[in-house]
Amino acid sequence: MKEKIASLVDESIKELNVFVDDAFISTEEGKKIFNIVLDSEEVIDLNKVTEASRIINKIIDANESLLEDADELDIYSKEKGDK
């Protein structure tokens, strides 16, 4: 799943110096969540996550079948120090 999402969005978000680190489905409180985790060589501030989210949302809207009937889309950055 990560490869599909990365191939669709990485080129569009590379000018923000971020890339897709992971993409997966989780279930939280009975909801199916489609998670996209962003990473970078530098610290990703909230503004970059917001900008990347806007770009990614447009791409995902055009490729809605990738969401696999998820109830929510959650885009967030990887914490520095995580491997």
Protein backbone atom coordinates (compact mmCIF):
# COMPACT_ATOMS: atom_id res chain seq x y z
CA MET A 1 0.00 0.00 0.00
CA LYS A 2 2.84 2.39 0.85
CA GLU A 3 4.30 1.98 -2.64
CA LYS A 4 0.99 2.88 -4.33
CA ILE A 5 0.52 6.01 -2.24
CA ALA A 6 4.17 7.06 -2.52
CA SER A 7 4.12 6.68 -6.31
CA LEU A 8 1.07 8.94 -6.49
CA VAL A 9 2.09 11.70 -4.07
CA ASP A 10 5.86 11.81 -3.53
CA GLU A 11 6.55 13.82 -6.68
CA SER A 12 3.91 16.40 -5.69
CA ILE A 13 5.19 16.88 -2.14
CA LYS A 14 8.94 16.68 -2.77
CA GLU A 15 9.30 20.48 -2.93
CA LEU A 16 8.20 20.47 0.73
CA ASN A 17 11.11 18.10 1.44
CA VAL A 18 8.76 15.39 2.73
CA PHE A 19 7.96 11.90 1.49
CA VAL A 20 5.60 9.04 2.34
CA ASP A 21 7.19 6.82 4.97
CA ASP A 22 4.22 4.49 5.43
CA ALA A 23 0.57 4.00 4.50
CA PHE A 24 -1.68 1.53 6.26
CA ILE A 25 -5.19 0.82 7.51
CA SER A 26 -5.92 0.74 11.23
CA THR A 27 -9.09 0.41 13.29
CA GLU A 28 -9.67 2.81 16.15
CA GLU A 29 -12.86 2.98 18.19
CA GLY A 30 -14.66 0.96 15.52
CA LYS A 31 -13.60 3.26 12.68
CA LYS A 32 -11.46 2.20 9.75
CA ILE A 33 -8.62 4.76 9.43
CA PHE A 34 -6.40 5.12 6.36
CA ASN A 35 -3.07 6.43 7.72
CA ILE A 36 -0.40 8.20 5.69
CA VAL A 37 2.84 8.85 7.57
CA LEU A 38 5.19 11.55 6.26
CA ASP A 39 8.91 11.79 6.94
CA SER A 40 11.80 14.09 6.04
CA GLU A 41 15.50 14.53 6.62
CA GLU A 42 14.58 17.63 8.62
CA VAL A 43 11.97 18.34 11.29
CA ILE A 44 8.48 18.60 9.80
CA ASP A 45 6.53 21.47 11.32
CA LEU A 46 2.75 21.72 11.42
CA ASN A 47 2.67 24.08 8.42
CA LYS A 48 4.42 21.50 6.22
CA VAL A 49 2.05 18.75 7.35
CA THR A 50 -0.88 21.04 6.53
CA GLU A 51 0.51 21.93 3.07
CA ALA A 52 1.30 18.29 2.30
CA SER A 53 -2.16 17.24 3.50
CA ARG A 54 -3.84 19.66 1.10
CA ILE A 55 -1.84 18.26 -1.82
CA ILE A 56 -2.37 14.63 -0.78
CA ASN A 57 -6.11 15.10 -0.19
CA LYS A 58 -6.60 16.31 -3.77
CA ILE A 59 -4.70 13.30 -5.12
CA ILE A 60 -6.57 10.84 -2.90
CA ASP A 61 -9.91 12.40 -3.89
CA ALA A 62 -9.05 11.63 -7.51
CA ASN A 63 -8.07 8.04 -6.55
CA GLU A 64 -10.73 7.32 -3.94
CA SER A 65 -10.64 3.55 -4.49
CA LEU A 66 -7.27 3.48 -2.69
CA LEU A 67 -8.99 4.35 0.58
CA GLU A 68 -10.47 0.83 0.72
CA ASP A 69 -13.74 2.06 2.25
CA ALA A 70 -11.95 3.75 5.17
CA ASP A 71 -14.06 6.05 7.34
CA GLU A 72 -11.26 8.61 7.79
CA LEU A 73 -7.97 9.69 6.23
CA ASP A 74 -5.24 10.64 8.73
CA ILE A 75 -2.06 12.31 7.47
CA TYR A 76 0.68 12.97 10.00
CA SER A 77 4.45 13.19 10.33
CA LYS A 78 6.78 10.64 11.79
CA GLU A 79 8.36 11.73 15.06
CA LYS A 80 12.10 12.28 14.92
CA GLY A 81 13.90 9.45 16.66
CA ASP A 82 11.47 6.81 15.33
CA LYS A 83 12.92 4.17 13.02
